[in-house]
Amino acid sequence: MRKWALLVIIFAIPLAGQQVDSMQQLRVESLEDSIQSLNHRMEKIEEHWVEIKETADKSGEWARWLMIAGIGLAALFLGFLIIFTIISTSRIRRDLEEIKKMREQATSILEFLRGSRDETINELERTREEREKLKQEGKDLQEIDKRLEELSHRLDTLRRMGLPLDARGWHEKYYEFAKRGHYGEAIAALDEAISLDIDNSIFHNSKTYVLLVWGARLKDEGEEEKAKEKFEEAKESAQKAIELSKGKKGYYNLACAQARLGEWKEALVSLRKSKENKEEITVAPWEDPDFEELIKKYPHEFEGIVGQPPEEEKP
């Protein structure tokens, strides 16, 4: 038995060695295959890298060309913009010069129209003063009234041409409206005049006169309440005229308004102040319808202030 076991061992050892060599050989070959596969992959990677690099170089070249082209187009656009700006500036300059000339011409025309307006207003004022003198002398007023209408029409024409009226112009318009019995329009014209020259006592005095006439008309028509409102407004306007003239003008119209309101004593005081100030009036006090009731109630006091009336008018 021992001999057979020894023989088996002797023959088994070489066989085991061969098996071990065979396994090592397989491992070496497998490792070589792995190395070759790795080398192949590295070669592929190098090839891809070269392609990527070439593509990147080409992209960079295109980017540079695109940038150069963009700069060129921008420069071209800027050039066109500069040329357009120069041309536009030149045109604008010419247009501005034309506008300047047109403005100078318009200014000249406007100055001429203003001069014509002021001349018309001055002539209207002179003509109205002349009319008052003719009226006091009892002369015919037909011719001078026609002249006043022509001047008023000329003033209206200038206004329609776009030339605004000044304060004196609106004051002249009130005469025309009041003469026609358009008292609301007359007051509106005076308000325009006052808005342009708020410290002018003459305008407030004229407004007082229109309100008194308007109130008298309403009273004659039986509109007692409305008439009283106009007399109250006339009183306020007269007080404003006195304030602005520093007590020199407005007392006569104030006396008229107070008499219309039944403020008899106050009316007599105002009438006396008017007499002391030597106010210019266009109607003799004895003939003024505003004092009709005052004369009936206080004839002696009234006479003591304004003097004796003509014999035929003495109460």
Protein backbone atom coordinates (compact mmCIF):
# COMPACT_ATOMS: atom_id res chain seq x y z
CA MET A 1 0.00 0.00 0.00
CA ARG A 2 2.72 2.40 0.82
CA LYS A 3 4.39 1.72 -2.48
CA TRP A 4 1.24 2.48 -4.42
CA ALA A 5 0.72 5.73 -2.48
CA LEU A 6 4.26 6.76 -3.13
CA LEU A 7 3.86 6.10 -6.86
CA VAL A 8 0.69 8.22 -6.99
CA ILE A 9 2.43 11.09 -5.28
CA ILE A 10 5.40 10.83 -7.65
CA PHE A 11 3.16 11.02 -10.72
CA ALA A 12 0.71 13.66 -9.28
CA ILE A 13 3.29 16.32 -8.49
CA PRO A 14 4.42 16.84 -12.13
CA LEU A 15 0.82 16.92 -13.28
CA ALA A 16 -0.04 19.55 -10.63
CA GLY A 17 2.90 21.65 -11.73
CA GLN A 18 1.79 21.51 -15.34
CA GLN A 19 -1.68 22.61 -14.31
CA VAL A 20 -0.29 25.55 -12.38
CA ASP A 21 1.88 26.59 -15.37
CA SER A 22 -1.11 26.36 -17.66
CA MET A 23 -3.19 28.64 -15.40
CA GLN A 24 -0.40 31.18 -15.18
CA GLN A 25 -0.07 31.19 -18.93
CA LEU A 26 -3.79 31.93 -19.28
CA ARG A 27 -3.54 34.81 -16.80
CA VAL A 28 -0.64 36.34 -18.70
CA GLU A 29 -2.49 36.10 -21.99
CA SER A 30 -5.59 37.62 -20.46
CA LEU A 31 -3.52 40.48 -19.05
CA GLU A 32 -1.89 41.07 -22.44
CA ASP A 33 -5.32 41.20 -24.07
CA SER A 34 -6.47 43.73 -21.50
CA ILE A 35 -3.38 45.86 -22.15
CA GLN A 36 -3.95 45.73 -25.90
CA SER A 37 -7.62 46.70 -25.44
CA LEU A 38 -6.59 49.57 -23.23
CA ASN A 39 -4.03 50.73 -25.76
CA HIS A 40 -6.68 50.58 -28.47
CA ARG A 41 -9.03 52.70 -26.40
CA MET A 42 -6.29 55.21 -25.74
CA GLU A 43 -5.66 55.48 -29.46
CA LYS A 44 -9.39 56.11 -30.03
CA ILE A 45 -9.39 58.76 -27.33
CA GLU A 46 -6.38 60.45 -28.95
CA GLU A 47 -8.13 60.40 -32.30
CA HIS A 48 -11.29 61.97 -30.80
CA TRP A 49 -9.21 64.55 -29.00
CA VAL A 50 -7.52 65.57 -32.25
CA GLU A 51 -10.95 65.88 -33.90
CA ILE A 52 -12.28 67.94 -30.99
CA LYS A 53 -9.23 70.22 -31.11
CA GLU A 54 -9.55 70.72 -34.87
CA THR A 55 -13.27 71.49 -34.47
CA ALA A 56 -12.54 73.95 -31.67
CA ASP A 57 -9.90 75.66 -33.80
CA LYS A 58 -12.36 75.94 -36.69
CA SER A 59 -15.07 77.30 -34.32
CA GLY A 60 -12.67 79.86 -32.94
CA GLU A 61 -11.83 80.95 -36.48
CA TRP A 62 -15.53 81.32 -37.32
CA ALA A 63 -16.09 83.25 -34.11
CA ARG A 64 -13.28 85.63 -35.03
CA TRP A 65 -14.72 86.11 -38.52
CA LEU A 66 -18.18 86.68 -37.12
CA MET A 67 -16.83 89.22 -34.64
CA ILE A 68 -14.94 91.05 -37.39
CA ALA A 69 -18.06 91.05 -39.58
CA GLY A 70 -20.18 92.34 -36.67
CA ILE A 71 -17.72 95.15 -35.98
CA GLY A 72 -17.76 96.07 -39.66
CA LEU A 73 -21.55 96.17 -39.83
CA ALA A 74 -21.69 98.23 -36.63
CA ALA A 75 -19.17 100.69 -38.06
CA LEU A 76 -21.16 100.90 -41.29
CA PHE A 77 -24.41 101.52 -39.37
CA LEU A 78 -22.69 104.12 -37.23
CA GLY A 79 -21.42 105.85 -40.35
CA PHE A 80 -24.91 105.94 -41.86
CA LEU A 81 -26.25 107.22 -38.54
CA ILE A 82 -23.67 110.02 -38.43
CA ILE A 83 -24.45 111.02 -42.03
CA PHE A 84 -28.21 110.95 -41.31
CA THR A 85 -27.67 113.02 -38.17
CA ILE A 86 -25.62 115.60 -40.08
CA ILE A 87 -28.27 115.83 -42.80
CA SER A 88 -31.09 115.97 -40.23
CA THR A 89 -29.24 118.61 -38.21
CA SER A 90 -28.79 120.67 -41.33
CA ARG A 91 -32.48 120.37 -42.15
CA ILE A 92 -33.45 121.16 -38.57
CA ARG A 93 -31.20 124.21 -38.64
CA ARG A 94 -32.85 125.40 -41.86
CA ASP A 95 -36.29 124.71 -40.40
CA LEU A 96 -35.41 126.62 -37.25
CA GLU A 97 -34.23 129.56 -39.32
CA GLU A 98 -37.50 129.48 -41.25
CA ILE A 99 -39.47 129.29 -38.02
CA LYS A 100 -37.48 132.21 -36.64
CA LYS A 101 -38.27 134.27 -39.73
CA MET A 102 -41.94 133.32 -39.54
CA ARG A 103 -42.03 134.24 -35.87
CA GLU A 104 -40.44 137.61 -36.59
CA GLN A 105 -43.03 138.21 -39.31
CA ALA A 106 -45.83 137.10 -36.98
CA THR A 107 -44.48 139.37 -34.25
CA SER A 108 -44.46 142.29 -36.66
CA ILE A 109 -48.04 141.56 -37.72
CA LEU A 110 -49.11 141.17 -34.10
CA GLU A 111 -47.49 144.48 -33.17
CA PHE A 112 -49.28 146.14 -36.06
CA LEU A 113 -52.61 144.66 -34.95
CA ARG A 114 -52.01 145.70 -31.36
CA GLY A 115 -51.23 149.20 -32.51
CA SER A 116 -54.43 149.22 -34.56
CA ARG A 117 -56.38 147.92 -31.56
CA ASP A 118 -54.97 150.56 -29.20
CA GLU A 119 -55.60 153.30 -31.76
CA THR A 120 -59.20 152.10 -32.17
CA ILE A 121 -59.75 152.06 -28.40
CA ASN A 122 -58.28 155.55 -28.04
CA GLU A 123 -60.54 156.82 -30.80
CA LEU A 124 -63.54 155.15 -29.17
CA GLU A 125 -62.80 156.88 -25.87
CA ARG A 126 -62.39 160.27 -27.55
CA THR A 127 -65.58 159.77 -29.54
CA ARG A 128 -67.58 158.82 -26.43
CA GLU A 129 -66.36 161.92 -24.61
CA GLU A 130 -67.36 164.01 -27.59
CA ARG A 131 -70.78 162.34 -27.63
CA GLU A 132 -71.35 163.25 -23.97
CA LYS A 133 -70.59 166.89 -24.73
CA LEU A 134 -72.96 166.87 -27.72
CA LYS A 135 -75.64 165.23 -25.58
CA GLN A 136 -75.31 167.91 -22.88
CA GLU A 137 -75.54 170.59 -25.55
CA GLY A 138 -78.68 168.96 -26.93
CA LYS A 139 -77.21 168.36 -30.40
CA ASP A 140 -77.98 165.57 -32.86
CA LEU A 141 -76.20 162.31 -31.98
CA GLN A 142 -76.98 160.28 -35.10
CA GLU A 143 -73.71 160.92 -36.89
CA ILE A 144 -71.49 160.31 -33.89
CA ASP A 145 -73.41 157.13 -32.95
CA LYS A 146 -72.73 155.83 -36.45
CA ARG A 147 -69.05 156.54 -35.95
CA LEU A 148 -69.09 154.68 -32.63
CA GLU A 149 -70.65 151.64 -34.31
CA GLU A 150 -67.93 151.62 -36.99
CA LEU A 151 -65.19 151.76 -34.38
CA SER A 152 -66.84 149.02 -32.31
CA HIS A 153 -67.14 146.84 -35.42
CA ARG A 154 -63.43 147.37 -36.14
CA LEU A 155 -62.61 146.28 -32.59
CA ASP A 156 -64.74 143.14 -33.04
CA THR A 157 -62.92 142.34 -36.30
CA LEU A 158 -59.55 142.54 -34.58
CA ARG A 159 -60.82 140.22 -31.84
CA ARG A 160 -62.08 137.69 -34.40
CA MET A 161 -58.62 137.75 -36.01
CA GLY A 162 -57.29 136.29 -32.76
CA LEU A 163 -56.11 139.49 -31.11
CA PRO A 164 -57.34 139.45 -27.49
CA LEU A 165 -58.83 142.60 -26.05
CA ASP A 166 -57.01 144.32 -23.24
CA ALA A 167 -58.76 145.80 -20.21
CA ARG A 168 -59.62 149.06 -21.98
CA GLY A 169 -60.97 147.12 -24.96
CA TRP A 170 -63.38 145.14 -22.78
CA HIS A 171 -64.40 148.37 -21.06
CA GLU A 172 -65.33 149.78 -24.46
CA LYS A 173 -67.32 146.66 -25.31
CA TYR A 174 -69.50 147.18 -22.26
CA TYR A 175 -70.81 150.46 -23.72
CA GLU A 176 -72.02 148.65 -26.82
CA PHE A 177 -73.80 145.92 -24.83
CA ALA A 178 -75.34 148.35 -22.35
CA LYS A 179 -76.61 150.60 -25.15
CA ARG A 180 -78.46 147.62 -26.65
CA GLY A 181 -79.92 146.64 -23.29
CA HIS A 182 -77.77 143.49 -23.06
CA TYR A 183 -76.88 144.05 -19.43
CA GLY A 184 -75.66 140.53 -18.72
CA GLU A 185 -73.14 140.78 -21.57
CA ALA A 186 -72.16 144.26 -20.42
CA ILE A 187 -71.40 142.94 -16.92
CA ALA A 188 -69.44 140.02 -18.44
CA ALA A 189 -67.35 142.49 -20.49
CA LEU A 190 -66.65 144.58 -17.38
CA ASP A 191 -65.68 141.47 -15.41
CA GLU A 192 -63.15 140.68 -18.17
CA ALA A 193 -61.79 144.22 -17.90
CA ILE A 194 -61.57 143.96 -14.10
CA SER A 195 -59.79 140.58 -14.33
CA LEU A 196 -57.11 142.22 -16.50
CA ASP A 197 -56.84 145.39 -14.39
CA ILE A 198 -58.26 144.53 -11.00
CA ASP A 199 -57.28 147.82 -9.32
CA ASN A 200 -59.01 150.11 -11.81
CA SER A 201 -61.77 151.99 -9.97
CA ILE A 202 -63.32 153.23 -13.23
CA PHE A 203 -64.24 149.67 -14.24
CA HIS A 204 -65.98 149.09 -10.90
CA ASN A 205 -67.80 152.40 -11.26
CA SER A 206 -69.01 151.39 -14.72
CA LYS A 207 -70.17 148.06 -13.34
CA THR A 208 -72.14 149.87 -10.65
CA TYR A 209 -73.86 151.98 -13.31
CA VAL A 210 -74.88 148.91 -15.39
CA LEU A 211 -76.21 147.11 -12.30
CA LEU A 212 -78.29 150.16 -11.36
CA VAL A 213 -79.81 150.41 -14.84
CA TRP A 214 -80.40 146.65 -14.93
CA GLY A 215 -82.05 146.73 -11.51
CA ALA A 216 -84.28 149.64 -12.54
CA ARG A 217 -85.35 147.72 -15.64
CA LEU A 218 -86.22 144.64 -13.55
CA LYS A 219 -88.17 146.79 -11.09
CA ASP A 220 -90.20 148.33 -13.90
CA GLU A 221 -90.98 144.80 -15.09
CA GLY A 222 -92.23 143.82 -11.64
CA GLU A 223 -89.22 141.67 -10.71
CA GLU A 224 -88.77 143.22 -7.26
CA GLU A 225 -86.54 140.50 -5.75
CA LYS A 226 -84.22 140.34 -8.75
CA ALA A 227 -84.08 144.12 -8.87
CA LYS A 228 -83.05 144.22 -5.20
CA GLU A 229 -80.25 141.72 -5.90
CA LYS A 230 -78.87 143.97 -8.65
CA PHE A 231 -79.03 147.03 -6.35
CA GLU A 232 -77.13 145.09 -3.66
CA GLU A 233 -74.49 144.15 -6.21
CA ALA A 234 -74.32 147.77 -7.35
CA LYS A 235 -73.74 148.87 -3.76
CA GLU A 236 -70.85 146.41 -3.34
CA SER A 237 -69.31 147.48 -6.66
CA ALA A 238 -69.55 151.17 -5.69
CA GLN A 239 -67.85 150.48 -2.35
CA LYS A 240 -65.04 148.69 -4.21
CA ALA A 241 -64.62 151.68 -6.53
CA ILE A 242 -64.39 154.00 -3.50
CA GLU A 243 -61.79 151.74 -1.90
CA LEU A 244 -59.64 151.57 -5.04
CA SER A 245 -59.86 155.32 -5.71
CA LYS A 246 -58.99 156.04 -2.06
CA GLY A 247 -62.29 157.78 -1.47
CA LYS A 248 -62.21 160.03 -4.54
CA LYS A 249 -64.71 158.29 -6.84
CA GLY A 250 -67.81 156.15 -6.46
CA TYR A 251 -69.86 157.99 -3.86
CA TYR A 252 -72.47 159.21 -6.34
CA ASN A 253 -73.21 155.68 -7.58
CA LEU A 254 -73.17 154.44 -3.99
CA ALA A 255 -75.80 157.04 -3.13
CA CYS A 256 -77.91 155.82 -6.08
CA ALA A 257 -77.70 152.19 -4.92
CA GLN A 258 -78.48 153.12 -1.30
CA ALA A 259 -81.48 155.21 -2.40
CA ARG A 260 -82.78 152.28 -4.46
CA LEU A 261 -82.45 150.04 -1.40
CA GLY A 262 -84.31 152.50 0.83
CA GLU A 263 -81.22 153.44 2.83
CA TRP A 264 -82.20 157.14 2.79
CA LYS A 265 -79.83 158.58 5.42
CA GLU A 266 -76.86 156.66 4.09
CA ALA A 267 -77.69 157.83 0.56
CA LEU A 268 -77.67 161.47 1.68
CA VAL A 269 -74.28 161.02 3.37
CA SER A 270 -72.81 159.43 0.24
CA LEU A 271 -74.29 162.15 -1.96
CA ARG A 272 -72.69 164.84 0.22
CA LYS A 273 -69.29 163.14 -0.07
CA SER A 274 -69.73 163.00 -3.84
CA LYS A 275 -70.43 166.72 -3.86
CA GLU A 276 -67.37 167.43 -1.71
CA ASN A 277 -65.18 165.34 -4.04
CA LYS A 278 -66.61 167.20 -7.06
CA GLU A 279 -67.31 163.97 -8.89
CA GLU A 280 -68.13 164.29 -12.57
CA ILE A 281 -71.66 163.08 -13.27
CA THR A 282 -73.54 162.84 -16.55
CA VAL A 283 -77.04 163.28 -15.13
CA ALA A 284 -78.33 166.13 -13.00
CA PRO A 285 -79.22 164.73 -9.54
CA TRP A 286 -82.74 166.20 -9.68
CA GLU A 287 -83.31 164.30 -12.94
CA ASP A 288 -81.77 161.03 -11.81
CA PRO A 289 -84.53 158.39 -11.43
CA ASP A 290 -82.49 156.63 -8.75
CA PHE A 291 -83.21 159.57 -6.38
CA GLU A 292 -86.93 159.82 -7.10
CA GLU A 293 -88.04 158.26 -3.82
CA LEU A 294 -85.25 159.96 -1.86
CA ILE A 295 -86.37 163.38 -3.08
CA LYS A 296 -89.95 162.63 -2.05
CA LYS A 297 -88.91 161.66 1.48
CA TYR A 298 -86.10 164.18 2.10
CA PRO A 299 -86.54 167.05 -0.38
CA HIS A 300 -84.97 169.76 1.83
CA GLU A 301 -81.95 167.66 2.78
CA PHE A 302 -81.48 166.71 -0.87
CA GLU A 303 -81.70 170.35 -1.95
CA GLY A 304 -79.23 171.31 0.76
CA ILE A 305 -76.66 168.98 -0.79
CA VAL A 306 -77.13 169.38 -4.57
CA GLY A 307 -78.70 172.85 -4.73
CA GLN A 308 -82.04 174.09 -5.88
CA PRO A 309 -83.78 172.40 -8.80
CA PRO A 310 -85.25 174.27 -11.76
CA GLU A 311 -88.53 175.99 -10.81
CA GLU A 312 -90.68 173.58 -12.84
CA GLU A 313 -89.06 170.52 -11.22
CA LYS A 314 -89.11 171.75 -7.61
CA PRO A 315 -91.41 169.54 -5.52
